[in-house]
Amino acid sequence: MRIIIDTYIFLWAISDPSKLDDKQRLEIETAANIIYVSSVSITELMIKASIGKLVVNYDPIAIAKESGFELLDFSAEDALALKELPFHHKDPFDRMLVSQALNRKYALMTDDGKMSQYDCRLI
């Protein structure tokens, strides 16, 4: 299965895996799954770091690769899907992750309950 992990799942996976539930940990550790960190999450981390909302004193790209995650660029086609995406969630980064998951038909791993209002596979 191809799974995009949201920004907080990525942060928990690299810093405090105990925050992940058993199903999330199992899916991340299953060798047959491809786990993606989207460029959207990297963007969110860098913006939050630049405005002082988050300390990022590491290279998230290097950490993602070292952790066995694949990097996934946000494409123009992913962006087009935003036009028809209902406004169940106002966070632009989360909306972009949903749009990317829907466009590519990948699952999205998140702890954000608002995401369940979208028609994409959630873990």
PDB file of N, CA and C in Angstrom:
ATOM      1  N   MET A   1       0.844  -1.170   0.000  1.00  0.00           N
ATOM      2  CA  MET A   1       0.000   0.000   0.000  1.00  0.00           C
ATOM      3  C   MET A   1       0.895   1.241   0.000  1.00  0.00           C
ATOM      4  N   ARG A   2       0.421   2.287  -0.656  1.00  0.00           N
ATOM      5  CA  ARG A   2       1.118   3.569  -0.686  1.00  0.00           C
ATOM      6  C   ARG A   2       0.423   4.496   0.303  1.00  0.00           C
ATOM      7  N   ILE A   3       1.197   5.042   1.237  1.00  0.00           N
ATOM      8  CA  ILE A   3       0.628   5.832   2.322  1.00  0.00           C
ATOM      9  C   ILE A   3       1.383   7.150   2.450  1.00  0.00           C
ATOM     10  N   ILE A   4       0.640   8.251   2.437  1.00  0.00           N
ATOM     11  CA  ILE A   4       1.208   9.559   2.742  1.00  0.00           C
ATOM     12  C   ILE A   4       0.990   9.793   4.233  1.00  0.00           C
ATOM     13  N   ILE A   5       2.056  10.120   4.945  1.00  0.00           N
ATOM     14  CA  ILE A   5       1.888  10.437   6.369  1.00  0.00           C
ATOM     15  C   ILE A   5       1.803  11.957   6.520  1.00  0.00           C
ATOM     16  N   ASP A   6       0.898  12.400   7.383  1.00  0.00           N
ATOM     17  CA  ASP A   6       0.783  13.841   7.560  1.00  0.00           C
ATOM     18  C   ASP A   6       1.946  14.354   8.410  1.00  0.00           C
ATOM     19  N   THR A   7       2.019  15.638   8.571  1.00  0.00           N
ATOM     20  CA  THR A   7       3.169  16.272   9.216  1.00  0.00           C
ATOM     21  C   THR A   7       3.358  15.786  10.645  1.00  0.00           C
ATOM     22  N   TYR A   8       2.284  15.690  11.418  1.00  0.00           N
ATOM     23  CA  TYR A   8       2.436  15.260  12.811  1.00  0.00           C
ATOM     24  C   TYR A   8       2.816  13.792  12.925  1.00  0.00           C
ATOM     25  N   ILE A   9       2.280  12.964  12.046  1.00  0.00           N
ATOM     26  CA  ILE A   9       2.679  11.552  12.048  1.00  0.00           C
ATOM     27  C   ILE A   9       4.179  11.455  11.748  1.00  0.00           C
ATOM     28  N   PHE A  10       4.658  12.252  10.801  1.00  0.00           N
ATOM     29  CA  PHE A  10       6.090  12.278  10.497  1.00  0.00           C
ATOM     30  C   PHE A  10       6.890  12.702  11.727  1.00  0.00           C
ATOM     31  N   LEU A  11       6.473  13.785  12.372  1.00  0.00           N
ATOM     32  CA  LEU A  11       7.197  14.252  13.561  1.00  0.00           C
ATOM     33  C   LEU A  11       7.198  13.206  14.664  1.00  0.00           C
ATOM     34  N   TRP A  12       6.068  12.574  14.894  1.00  0.00           N
ATOM     35  CA  TRP A  12       6.007  11.536  15.935  1.00  0.00           C
ATOM     36  C   TRP A  12       6.880  10.345  15.563  1.00  0.00           C
ATOM     37  N   ALA A  13       6.847   9.956  14.304  1.00  0.00           N
ATOM     38  CA  ALA A  13       7.620   8.792  13.859  1.00  0.00           C
ATOM     39  C   ALA A  13       9.112   9.008  14.081  1.00  0.00           C
ATOM     40  N   ILE A  14       9.591  10.236  13.882  1.00  0.00           N
ATOM     41  CA  ILE A  14      11.024  10.476  14.010  1.00  0.00           C
ATOM     42  C   ILE A  14      11.458  10.897  15.407  1.00  0.00           C
ATOM     43  N   SER A  15      10.508  11.375  16.229  1.00  0.00           N
ATOM     44  CA  SER A  15      10.921  11.890  17.540  1.00  0.00           C
ATOM     45  C   SER A  15      10.303  11.164  18.729  1.00  0.00           C
ATOM     46  N   ASP A  16       9.076  10.674  18.579  1.00  0.00           N
ATOM     47  CA  ASP A  16       8.396  10.031  19.698  1.00  0.00           C
ATOM     48  C   ASP A  16       7.396   8.996  19.183  1.00  0.00           C
ATOM     49  N   PRO A  17       7.907   7.852  18.674  1.00  0.00           N
ATOM     50  CA  PRO A  17       7.017   6.838  18.091  1.00  0.00           C
ATOM     51  C   PRO A  17       5.941   6.316  19.044  1.00  0.00           C
ATOM     52  N   SER A  18       6.099   6.529  20.341  1.00  0.00           N
ATOM     53  CA  SER A  18       5.076   6.075  21.291  1.00  0.00           C
ATOM     54  C   SER A  18       3.755   6.820  21.091  1.00  0.00           C
ATOM     55  N   LYS A  19       3.788   7.965  20.416  1.00  0.00           N
ATOM     56  CA  LYS A  19       2.557   8.712  20.134  1.00  0.00           C
ATOM     57  C   LYS A  19       1.746   8.084  19.001  1.00  0.00           C
ATOM     58  N   LEU A  20       2.359   7.200  18.225  1.00  0.00           N
ATOM     59  CA  LEU A  20       1.648   6.501  17.161  1.00  0.00           C
ATOM     60  C   LEU A  20       0.839   5.361  17.760  1.00  0.00           C
ATOM     61  N   ASP A  21      -0.353   5.117  17.231  1.00  0.00           N
ATOM     62  CA  ASP A  21      -1.101   3.972  17.729  1.00  0.00           C
ATOM     63  C   ASP A  21      -0.572   2.695  17.072  1.00  0.00           C
ATOM     64  N   ASP A  22      -1.030   1.547  17.550  1.00  0.00           N
ATOM     65  CA  ASP A  22      -0.511   0.264  17.071  1.00  0.00           C
ATOM     66  C   ASP A  22      -0.693   0.092  15.566  1.00  0.00           C
ATOM     67  N   LYS A  23      -1.857   0.480  15.045  1.00  0.00           N
ATOM     68  CA  LYS A  23      -2.114   0.328  13.606  1.00  0.00           C
ATOM     69  C   LYS A  23      -1.173   1.218  12.789  1.00  0.00           C
ATOM     70  N   GLN A  24      -0.978   2.438  13.236  1.00  0.00           N
ATOM     71  CA  GLN A  24      -0.073   3.338  12.526  1.00  0.00           C
ATOM     72  C   GLN A  24       1.349   2.774  12.511  1.00  0.00           C
ATOM     73  N   ARG A  25       1.809   2.314  13.662  1.00  0.00           N
ATOM     74  CA  ARG A  25       3.159   1.736  13.745  1.00  0.00           C
ATOM     75  C   ARG A  25       3.281   0.521  12.841  1.00  0.00           C
ATOM     76  N   LEU A  26       2.272  -0.343  12.855  1.00  0.00           N
ATOM     77  CA  LEU A  26       2.293  -1.549  12.027  1.00  0.00           C
ATOM     78  C   LEU A  26       2.379  -1.187  10.542  1.00  0.00           C
ATOM     79  N   GLU A  27       1.573  -0.227  10.105  1.00  0.00           N
ATOM     80  CA  GLU A  27       1.577   0.164   8.688  1.00  0.00           C
ATOM     81  C   GLU A  27       2.926   0.780   8.291  1.00  0.00           C
ATOM     82  N   ILE A  28       3.497   1.586   9.167  1.00  0.00           N
ATOM     83  CA  ILE A  28       4.801   2.195   8.875  1.00  0.00           C
ATOM     84  C   ILE A  28       5.894   1.137   8.807  1.00  0.00           C
ATOM     85  N   GLU A  29       5.800   0.131   9.664  1.00  0.00           N
ATOM     86  CA  GLU A  29       6.844  -0.894   9.737  1.00  0.00           C
ATOM     87  C   GLU A  29       6.662  -2.026   8.727  1.00  0.00           C
ATOM     88  N   THR A  30       5.515  -2.110   8.073  1.00  0.00           N
ATOM     89  CA  THR A  30       5.267  -3.168   7.096  1.00  0.00           C
ATOM     90  C   THR A  30       6.093  -2.907   5.846  1.00  0.00           C
ATOM     91  N   ALA A  31       7.003  -3.817   5.552  1.00  0.00           N
ATOM     92  CA  ALA A  31       7.947  -3.630   4.444  1.00  0.00           C
ATOM     93  C   ALA A  31       7.259  -3.504   3.085  1.00  0.00           C
ATOM     94  N   ALA A  32       6.092  -4.094   2.932  1.00  0.00           N
ATOM     95  CA  ALA A  32       5.387  -4.035   1.652  1.00  0.00           C
ATOM     96  C   ALA A  32       4.787  -2.650   1.383  1.00  0.00           C
ATOM     97  N   ASN A  33       4.627  -1.843   2.417  1.00  0.00           N
ATOM     98  CA  ASN A  33       4.070  -0.501   2.252  1.00  0.00           C
ATOM     99  C   ASN A  33       5.158   0.482   1.844  1.00  0.00           C
ATOM    100  N   ILE A  34       4.764   1.458   1.047  1.00  0.00           N
ATOM    101  CA  ILE A  34       5.643   2.576   0.726  1.00  0.00           C
ATOM    102  C   ILE A  34       5.098   3.777   1.485  1.00  0.00           C
ATOM    103  N   ILE A  35       5.927   4.319   2.368  1.00  0.00           N
ATOM    104  CA  ILE A  35       5.512   5.433   3.214  1.00  0.00           C
ATOM    105  C   ILE A  35       6.133   6.714   2.663  1.00  0.00           C
ATOM    106  N   TYR A  36       5.272   7.694   2.389  1.00  0.00           N
ATOM    107  CA  TYR A  36       5.717   8.944   1.793  1.00  0.00           C
ATOM    108  C   TYR A  36       5.627  10.108   2.776  1.00  0.00           C
ATOM    109  N   VAL A  37       6.635  10.964   2.723  1.00  0.00           N
ATOM    110  CA  VAL A  37       6.579  12.282   3.343  1.00  0.00           C
ATOM    111  C   VAL A  37       6.437  13.259   2.186  1.00  0.00           C
ATOM    112  N   SER A  38       5.345  13.982   2.177  1.00  0.00           N
ATOM    113  CA  SER A  38       5.061  14.905   1.091  1.00  0.00           C
ATOM    114  C   SER A  38       5.883  16.184   1.227  1.00  0.00           C
ATOM    115  N   SER A  39       6.181  16.780   0.094  1.00  0.00           N
ATOM    116  CA  SER A  39       6.835  18.089   0.100  1.00  0.00           C
ATOM    117  C   SER A  39       5.955  19.115   0.816  1.00  0.00           C
ATOM    118  N   VAL A  40       4.661  18.856   0.879  1.00  0.00           N
ATOM    119  CA  VAL A  40       3.739  19.719   1.618  1.00  0.00           C
ATOM    120  C   VAL A  40       4.123  19.733   3.101  1.00  0.00           C
ATOM    121  N   SER A  41       4.442  18.576   3.664  1.00  0.00           N
ATOM    122  CA  SER A  41       4.831  18.506   5.074  1.00  0.00           C
ATOM    123  C   SER A  41       6.168  19.201   5.325  1.00  0.00           C
ATOM    124  N   ILE A  42       7.100  19.044   4.408  1.00  0.00           N
ATOM    125  CA  ILE A  42       8.385  19.724   4.547  1.00  0.00           C
ATOM    126  C   ILE A  42       8.166  21.235   4.511  1.00  0.00           C
ATOM    127  N   THR A  43       7.300  21.681   3.618  1.00  0.00           N
ATOM    128  CA  THR A  43       6.968  23.104   3.524  1.00  0.00           C
ATOM    129  C   THR A  43       6.350  23.599   4.821  1.00  0.00           C
ATOM    130  N   GLU A  44       5.402  22.835   5.360  1.00  0.00           N
ATOM    131  CA  GLU A  44       4.748  23.221   6.613  1.00  0.00           C
ATOM    132  C   GLU A  44       5.763  23.342   7.741  1.00  0.00           C
ATOM    133  N   LEU A  45       6.659  22.370   7.846  1.00  0.00           N
ATOM    134  CA  LEU A  45       7.690  22.417   8.890  1.00  0.00           C
ATOM    135  C   LEU A  45       8.570  23.659   8.759  1.00  0.00           C
ATOM    136  N   MET A  46       8.986  23.965   7.548  1.00  0.00           N
ATOM    137  CA  MET A  46       9.879  25.103   7.331  1.00  0.00           C
ATOM    138  C   MET A  46       9.173  26.437   7.599  1.00  0.00           C
ATOM    139  N   ILE A  47       7.912  26.541   7.219  1.00  0.00           N
ATOM    140  CA  ILE A  47       7.163  27.766   7.496  1.00  0.00           C
ATOM    141  C   ILE A  47       6.973  27.930   9.001  1.00  0.00           C
ATOM    142  N   LYS A  48       6.581  26.863   9.688  1.00  0.00           N
ATOM    143  CA  LYS A  48       6.391  26.953  11.139  1.00  0.00           C
ATOM    144  C   LYS A  48       7.704  27.271  11.844  1.00  0.00           C
ATOM    145  N   ALA A  49       8.809  26.730  11.356  1.00  0.00           N
ATOM    146  CA  ALA A  49      10.119  27.041  11.942  1.00  0.00           C
ATOM    147  C   ALA A  49      10.469  28.507  11.707  1.00  0.00           C
ATOM    148  N   SER A  50      10.169  29.017  10.528  1.00  0.00           N
ATOM    149  CA  SER A  50      10.532  30.398  10.195  1.00  0.00           C
ATOM    150  C   SER A  50       9.763  31.428  11.008  1.00  0.00           C
ATOM    151  N   ILE A  51       8.554  31.064  11.480  1.00  0.00           N
ATOM    152  CA  ILE A  51       7.766  32.013  12.279  1.00  0.00           C
ATOM    153  C   ILE A  51       7.833  31.698  13.774  1.00  0.00           C
ATOM    154  N   GLY A  52       8.688  30.755  14.131  1.00  0.00           N
ATOM    155  CA  GLY A  52       8.918  30.462  15.539  1.00  0.00           C
ATOM    156  C   GLY A  52       7.898  29.562  16.204  1.00  0.00           C
ATOM    157  N   LYS A  53       7.046  28.903  15.445  1.00  0.00           N
ATOM    158  CA  LYS A  53       6.051  27.990  16.023  1.00  0.00           C
ATOM    159  C   LYS A  53       6.608  26.602  16.286  1.00  0.00           C
ATOM    160  N   LEU A  54       7.772  26.314  15.706  1.00  0.00           N
ATOM    161  CA  LEU A  54       8.344  24.979  15.802  1.00  0.00           C
ATOM    162  C   LEU A  54       9.857  25.101  15.673  1.00  0.00           C
ATOM    163  N   VAL A  55      10.573  24.316  16.460  1.00  0.00           N
ATOM    164  CA  VAL A  55      12.026  24.278  16.338  1.00  0.00           C
ATOM    165  C   VAL A  55      12.386  23.110  15.429  1.00  0.00           C
ATOM    166  N   VAL A  56      13.062  23.420  14.344  1.00  0.00           N
ATOM    167  CA  VAL A  56      13.514  22.391  13.413  1.00  0.00           C
ATOM    168  C   VAL A  56      15.025  22.568  13.280  1.00  0.00           C
ATOM    169  N   ASN A  57      15.748  21.859  14.134  1.00  0.00           N
ATOM    170  CA  ASN A  57      17.209  21.977  14.136  1.00  0.00           C
ATOM    171  C   ASN A  57      17.850  20.730  13.528  1.00  0.00           C
ATOM    172  N   TYR A  58      17.209  20.239  12.480  1.00  0.00           N
ATOM    173  CA  TYR A  58      17.660  19.049  11.759  1.00  0.00           C
ATOM    174  C   TYR A  58      17.209  19.189  10.316  1.00  0.00           C
ATOM    175  N   ASP A  59      17.752  18.369   9.466  1.00  0.00           N
ATOM    176  CA  ASP A  59      17.360  18.365   8.059  1.00  0.00           C
ATOM    177  C   ASP A  59      16.227  17.344   7.895  1.00  0.00           C
ATOM    178  N   PRO A  60      14.974  17.801   7.724  1.00  0.00           N
ATOM    179  CA  PRO A  60      13.852  16.854   7.641  1.00  0.00           C
ATOM    180  C   PRO A  60      13.937  15.925   6.432  1.00  0.00           C
ATOM    181  N   ILE A  61      14.581  16.386   5.371  1.00  0.00           N
ATOM    182  CA  ILE A  61      14.718  15.528   4.186  1.00  0.00           C
ATOM    183  C   ILE A  61      15.671  14.373   4.492  1.00  0.00           C
ATOM    184  N   ALA A  62      16.798  14.697   5.102  1.00  0.00           N
ATOM    185  CA  ALA A  62      17.759  13.646   5.469  1.00  0.00           C
ATOM    186  C   ALA A  62      17.153  12.675   6.470  1.00  0.00           C
ATOM    187  N   ILE A  63      16.441  13.205   7.455  1.00  0.00           N
ATOM    188  CA  ILE A  63      15.808  12.350   8.477  1.00  0.00           C
ATOM    189  C   ILE A  63      14.760  11.444   7.839  1.00  0.00           C
ATOM    190  N   ALA A  64      13.975  11.980   6.913  1.00  0.00           N
ATOM    191  CA  ALA A  64      12.960  11.169   6.233  1.00  0.00           C
ATOM    192  C   ALA A  64      13.615  10.017   5.495  1.00  0.00           C
ATOM    193  N   LYS A  65      14.663  10.324   4.749  1.00  0.00           N
ATOM    194  CA  LYS A  65      15.356   9.276   3.992  1.00  0.00           C
ATOM    195  C   LYS A  65      16.000   8.254   4.924  1.00  0.00           C
ATOM    196  N   GLU A  66      16.637   8.720   5.988  1.00  0.00           N
ATOM    197  CA  GLU A  66      17.270   7.811   6.953  1.00  0.00           C
ATOM    198  C   GLU A  66      16.241   6.913   7.632  1.00  0.00           C
ATOM    199  N   SER A  67      15.022   7.412   7.766  1.00  0.00           N
ATOM    200  CA  SER A  67      13.953   6.652   8.417  1.00  0.00           C
ATOM    201  C   SER A  67      13.273   5.680   7.461  1.00  0.00           C
ATOM    202  N   GLY A  68      13.691   5.688   6.214  1.00  0.00           N
ATOM    203  CA  GLY A  68      13.119   4.765   5.241  1.00  0.00           C
ATOM    204  C   GLY A  68      11.897   5.290   4.521  1.00  0.00           C
ATOM    205  N   PHE A  69      11.592   6.569   4.691  1.00  0.00           N
ATOM    206  CA  PHE A  69      10.449   7.165   4.019  1.00  0.00           C
ATOM    207  C   PHE A  69      10.866   7.650   2.638  1.00  0.00           C
ATOM    208  N   GLU A  70       9.910   7.634   1.723  1.00  0.00           N
ATOM    209  CA  GLU A  70      10.107   8.187   0.390  1.00  0.00           C
ATOM    210  C   GLU A  70       9.619   9.633   0.400  1.00  0.00           C
ATOM    211  N   LEU A  71      10.236  10.473  -0.395  1.00  0.00           N
ATOM    212  CA  LEU A  71       9.774  11.852  -0.545  1.00  0.00           C
ATOM    213  C   LEU A  71       8.813  11.919  -1.717  1.00  0.00           C
ATOM    214  N   LEU A  72       7.779  12.733  -1.583  1.00  0.00           N
ATOM    215  CA  LEU A  72       6.745  12.836  -2.608  1.00  0.00           C
ATOM    216  C   LEU A  72       6.517  14.304  -2.920  1.00  0.00           C
ATOM    217  N   ASP A  73       6.791  14.695  -4.149  1.00  0.00           N
ATOM    218  CA  ASP A  73       6.555  16.076  -4.567  1.00  0.00           C
ATOM    219  C   ASP A  73       5.071  16.326  -4.784  1.00  0.00           C
ATOM    220  N   PHE A  74       4.636  17.537  -4.460  1.00  0.00           N
ATOM    221  CA  PHE A  74       3.266  17.981  -4.713  1.00  0.00           C
ATOM    222  C   PHE A  74       3.232  18.504  -6.146  1.00  0.00           C
ATOM    223  N   SER A  75       2.407  17.892  -6.985  1.00  0.00           N
ATOM    224  CA  SER A  75       2.400  18.218  -8.410  1.00  0.00           C
ATOM    225  C   SER A  75       1.282  19.200  -8.764  1.00  0.00           C
ATOM    226  N   ALA A  76       1.369  19.722  -9.979  1.00  0.00           N
ATOM    227  CA  ALA A  76       0.306  20.582 -10.499  1.00  0.00           C
ATOM    228  C   ALA A  76      -1.017  19.820 -10.548  1.00  0.00           C
ATOM    229  N   GLU A  77      -0.962  18.531 -10.879  1.00  0.00           N
ATOM    230  CA  GLU A  77      -2.178  17.708 -10.915  1.00  0.00           C
ATOM    231  C   GLU A  77      -2.770  17.546  -9.513  1.00  0.00           C
ATOM    232  N   ASP A  78      -1.899  17.415  -8.506  1.00  0.00           N
ATOM    233  CA  ASP A  78      -2.380  17.354  -7.122  1.00  0.00           C
ATOM    234  C   ASP A  78      -3.103  18.655  -6.771  1.00  0.00           C
ATOM    235  N   ALA A  79      -2.556  19.778  -7.234  1.00  0.00           N
ATOM    236  CA  ALA A  79      -3.141  21.086  -6.936  1.00  0.00           C
ATOM    237  C   ALA A  79      -4.501  21.264  -7.593  1.00  0.00           C
ATOM    238  N   LEU A  80      -4.669  20.745  -8.805  1.00  0.00           N
ATOM    239  CA  LEU A  80      -5.954  20.889  -9.504  1.00  0.00           C
ATOM    240  C   LEU A  80      -7.107  20.298  -8.699  1.00  0.00           C
ATOM    241  N   ALA A  81      -6.846  19.221  -7.997  1.00  0.00           N
ATOM    242  CA  ALA A  81      -7.895  18.554  -7.215  1.00  0.00           C
ATOM    243  C   ALA A  81      -8.419  19.441  -6.077  1.00  0.00           C
ATOM    244  N   LEU A  82      -7.665  20.467  -5.692  1.00  0.00           N
ATOM    245  CA  LEU A  82      -8.098  21.370  -4.618  1.00  0.00           C
ATOM    246  C   LEU A  82      -9.352  22.151  -4.992  1.00  0.00           C
ATOM    247  N   LYS A  83      -9.531  22.404  -6.267  1.00  0.00           N
ATOM    248  CA  LYS A  83     -10.673  23.202  -6.718  1.00  0.00           C
ATOM    249  C   LYS A  83     -12.003  22.569  -6.305  1.00  0.00           C
ATOM    250  N   GLU A  84     -12.095  21.259  -6.380  1.00  0.00           N
ATOM    251  CA  GLU A  84     -13.347  20.554  -6.086  1.00  0.00           C
ATOM    252  C   GLU A  84     -13.411  20.016  -4.657  1.00  0.00           C
ATOM    253  N   LEU A  85     -12.365  20.223  -3.887  1.00  0.00           N
ATOM    254  CA  LEU A  85     -12.300  19.667  -2.533  1.00  0.00           C
ATOM    255  C   LEU A  85     -13.194  20.474  -1.588  1.00  0.00           C
ATOM    256  N   PRO A  86     -14.155  19.821  -0.928  1.00  0.00           N
ATOM    257  CA  PRO A  86     -15.013  20.543   0.018  1.00  0.00           C
ATOM    258  C   PRO A  86     -14.180  21.157   1.153  1.00  0.00           C
ATOM    259  N   PHE A  87     -14.702  22.244   1.733  1.00  0.00           N
ATOM    260  CA  PHE A  87     -13.984  22.953   2.791  1.00  0.00           C
ATOM    261  C   PHE A  87     -14.309  22.389   4.175  1.00  0.00           C
ATOM    262  N   HIS A  88     -14.134  21.083   4.360  1.00  0.00           N
ATOM    263  CA  HIS A  88     -14.320  20.480   5.676  1.00  0.00           C
ATOM    264  C   HIS A  88     -13.186  20.896   6.601  1.00  0.00           C
ATOM    265  N   HIS A  89     -12.053  21.200   6.025  1.00  0.00           N
ATOM    266  CA  HIS A  89     -10.856  21.529   6.795  1.00  0.00           C
ATOM    267  C   HIS A  89     -10.289  22.815   6.225  1.00  0.00           C
ATOM    268  N   LYS A  90      -9.921  23.747   7.095  1.00  0.00           N
ATOM    269  CA  LYS A  90      -9.435  25.038   6.607  1.00  0.00           C
ATOM    270  C   LYS A  90      -7.923  25.117   6.526  1.00  0.00           C
ATOM    271  N   ASP A  91      -7.215  24.195   7.160  1.00  0.00           N
ATOM    272  CA  ASP A  91      -5.756  24.224   7.124  1.00  0.00           C
ATOM    273  C   ASP A  91      -5.284  23.915   5.699  1.00  0.00           C
ATOM    274  N   PRO A  92      -4.580  24.854   5.055  1.00  0.00           N
ATOM    275  CA  PRO A  92      -4.193  24.633   3.658  1.00  0.00           C
ATOM    276  C   PRO A  92      -3.247  23.447   3.474  1.00  0.00           C
ATOM    277  N   PHE A  93      -2.383  23.184   4.452  1.00  0.00           N
ATOM    278  CA  PHE A  93      -1.460  22.053   4.323  1.00  0.00           C
ATOM    279  C   PHE A  93      -2.214  20.730   4.378  1.00  0.00           C
ATOM    280  N   ASP A  94      -3.169  20.630   5.292  1.00  0.00           N
ATOM    281  CA  ASP A  94      -3.961  19.403   5.384  1.00  0.00           C
ATOM    282  C   ASP A  94      -4.810  19.211   4.132  1.00  0.00           C
ATOM    283  N   ARG A  95      -5.370  20.292   3.616  1.00  0.00           N
ATOM    284  CA  ARG A  95      -6.162  20.203   2.376  1.00  0.00           C
ATOM    285  C   ARG A  95      -5.286  19.721   1.222  1.00  0.00           C
ATOM    286  N   MET A  96      -4.055  20.196   1.170  1.00  0.00           N
ATOM    287  CA  MET A  96      -3.143  19.769   0.105  1.00  0.00           C
ATOM    288  C   MET A  96      -2.805  18.287   0.237  1.00  0.00           C
ATOM    289  N   LEU A  97      -2.623  17.802   1.461  1.00  0.00           N
ATOM    290  CA  LEU A  97      -2.333  16.378   1.661  1.00  0.00           C
ATOM    291  C   LEU A  97      -3.525  15.523   1.237  1.00  0.00           C
ATOM    292  N   VAL A  98      -4.734  15.960   1.583  1.00  0.00           N
ATOM    293  CA  VAL A  98      -5.940  15.232   1.170  1.00  0.00           C
ATOM    294  C   VAL A  98      -6.032  15.226  -0.354  1.00  0.00           C
ATOM    295  N   SER A  99      -5.831  16.377  -0.956  1.00  0.00           N
ATOM    296  CA  SER A  99      -5.888  16.485  -2.413  1.00  0.00           C
ATOM    297  C   SER A  99      -4.867  15.562  -3.074  1.00  0.00           C
ATOM    298  N   GLN A 100      -3.670  15.529  -2.524  1.00  0.00           N
ATOM    299  CA  GLN A 100      -2.615  14.668  -3.063  1.00  0.00           C
ATOM    300  C   GLN A 100      -2.989  13.195  -2.921  1.00  0.00           C
ATOM    301  N   ALA A 101      -3.504  12.819  -1.759  1.00  0.00           N
ATOM    302  CA  ALA A 101      -3.899  11.423  -1.537  1.00  0.00           C
ATOM    303  C   ALA A 101      -5.036  11.024  -2.488  1.00  0.00           C
ATOM    304  N   LEU A 102      -6.016  11.888  -2.646  1.00  0.00           N
ATOM    305  CA  LEU A 102      -7.128  11.585  -3.544  1.00  0.00           C
ATOM    306  C   LEU A 102      -6.664  11.494  -4.990  1.00  0.00           C
ATOM    307  N   ASN A 103      -5.873  12.448  -5.419  1.00  0.00           N
ATOM    308  CA  ASN A 103      -5.413  12.472  -6.800  1.00  0.00           C
ATOM    309  C   ASN A 103      -4.603  11.230  -7.152  1.00  0.00           C
ATOM    310  N   ARG A 104      -3.787  10.780  -6.218  1.00  0.00           N
ATOM    311  CA  ARG A 104      -2.905   9.642  -6.485  1.00  0.00           C
ATOM    312  C   ARG A 104      -3.500   8.302  -6.054  1.00  0.00           C
ATOM    313  N   LYS A 105      -4.646   8.384  -5.372  1.00  0.00           N
ATOM    314  CA  LYS A 105      -5.307   7.182  -4.844  1.00  0.00           C
ATOM    315  C   LYS A 105      -4.418   6.460  -3.821  1.00  0.00           C
ATOM    316  N   TYR A 106      -3.777   7.258  -2.958  1.00  0.00           N
ATOM    317  CA  TYR A 106      -2.967   6.742  -1.857  1.00  0.00           C
ATOM    318  C   TYR A 106      -3.763   6.897  -0.569  1.00  0.00           C
ATOM    319  N   ALA A 107      -3.408   6.114   0.426  1.00  0.00           N
ATOM    320  CA  ALA A 107      -3.996   6.295   1.754  1.00  0.00           C
ATOM    321  C   ALA A 107      -3.296   7.471   2.433  1.00  0.00           C
ATOM    322  N   LEU A 108      -3.974   8.060   3.404  1.00  0.00           N
ATOM    323  CA  LEU A 108      -3.416   9.152   4.194  1.00  0.00           C
ATOM    324  C   LEU A 108      -3.441   8.755   5.654  1.00  0.00           C
ATOM    325  N   MET A 109      -2.284   8.807   6.299  1.00  0.00           N
ATOM    326  CA  MET A 109      -2.205   8.499   7.720  1.00  0.00           C
ATOM    327  C   MET A 109      -2.214   9.810   8.502  1.00  0.00           C
ATOM    328  N   THR A 110      -3.209   9.942   9.379  1.00  0.00           N
ATOM    329  CA  THR A 110      -3.382  11.169  10.152  1.00  0.00           C
ATOM    330  C   THR A 110      -4.081  10.864  11.467  1.00  0.00           C
ATOM    331  N   ASP A 111      -3.934  11.766  12.410  1.00  0.00           N
ATOM    332  CA  ASP A 111      -4.694  11.698  13.655  1.00  0.00           C
ATOM    333  C   ASP A 111      -5.765  12.780  13.695  1.00  0.00           C
ATOM    334  N   ASP A 112      -5.884  13.528  12.628  1.00  0.00           N
ATOM    335  CA  ASP A 112      -6.819  14.648  12.547  1.00  0.00           C
ATOM    336  C   ASP A 112      -8.210  14.133  12.183  1.00  0.00           C
ATOM    337  N   GLY A 113      -9.127  14.200  13.125  1.00  0.00           N
ATOM    338  CA  GLY A 113     -10.481  13.704  12.920  1.00  0.00           C
ATOM    339  C   GLY A 113     -11.236  14.388  11.799  1.00  0.00           C
ATOM    340  N   LYS A 114     -10.903  15.653  11.505  1.00  0.00           N
ATOM    341  CA  LYS A 114     -11.591  16.378  10.437  1.00  0.00           C
ATOM    342  C   LYS A 114     -11.362  15.733   9.075  1.00  0.00           C
ATOM    343  N   MET A 115     -10.263  15.015   8.940  1.00  0.00           N
ATOM    344  CA  MET A 115      -9.942  14.402   7.649  1.00  0.00           C
ATOM    345  C   MET A 115     -10.932  13.306   7.277  1.00  0.00           C
ATOM    346  N   SER A 116     -11.639  12.757   8.263  1.00  0.00           N
ATOM    347  CA  SER A 116     -12.581  11.668   7.974  1.00  0.00           C
ATOM    348  C   SER A 116     -13.768  12.143   7.145  1.00  0.00           C
ATOM    349  N   GLN A 117     -13.950  13.444   7.024  1.00  0.00           N
ATOM    350  CA  GLN A 117     -15.047  13.984   6.223  1.00  0.00           C
ATOM    351  C   GLN A 117     -14.746  13.929   4.722  1.00  0.00           C
ATOM    352  N   TYR A 118     -13.497  13.629   4.389  1.00  0.00           N
ATOM    353  CA  TYR A 118     -13.114  13.538   2.973  1.00  0.00           C
ATOM    354  C   TYR A 118     -13.193  12.092   2.505  1.00  0.00           C
ATOM    355  N   ASP A 119     -13.358  11.940   1.221  1.00  0.00           N
ATOM    356  CA  ASP A 119     -13.532  10.624   0.623  1.00  0.00           C
ATOM    357  C   ASP A 119     -12.179  10.005   0.220  1.00  0.00           C
ATOM    358  N   CYS A 120     -11.273   9.942   1.190  1.00  0.00           N
ATOM    359  CA  CYS A 120      -9.994   9.278   0.909  1.00  0.00           C
ATOM    360  C   CYS A 120      -9.749   8.243   2.001  1.00  0.00           C
ATOM    361  N   ARG A 121      -8.950   7.258   1.678  1.00  0.00           N
ATOM    362  CA  ARG A 121      -8.676   6.198   2.633  1.00  0.00           C
ATOM    363  C   ARG A 121      -7.764   6.736   3.729  1.00  0.00           C
ATOM    364  N   LEU A 122      -8.205   6.610   4.965  1.00  0.00           N
ATOM    365  CA  LEU A 122      -7.452   7.108   6.115  1.00  0.00           C
ATOM    366  C   LEU A 122      -6.942   5.963   6.967  1.00  0.00           C
ATOM    367  N   ILE A 123      -5.767   6.174   7.516  1.00  0.00           N
ATOM    368  CA  ILE A 123      -5.202   5.220   8.467  1.00  0.00           C
ATOM    369  C   ILE A 123      -4.906   5.997   9.739  1.00  0.00           C
TER     370      ILE A 123
END
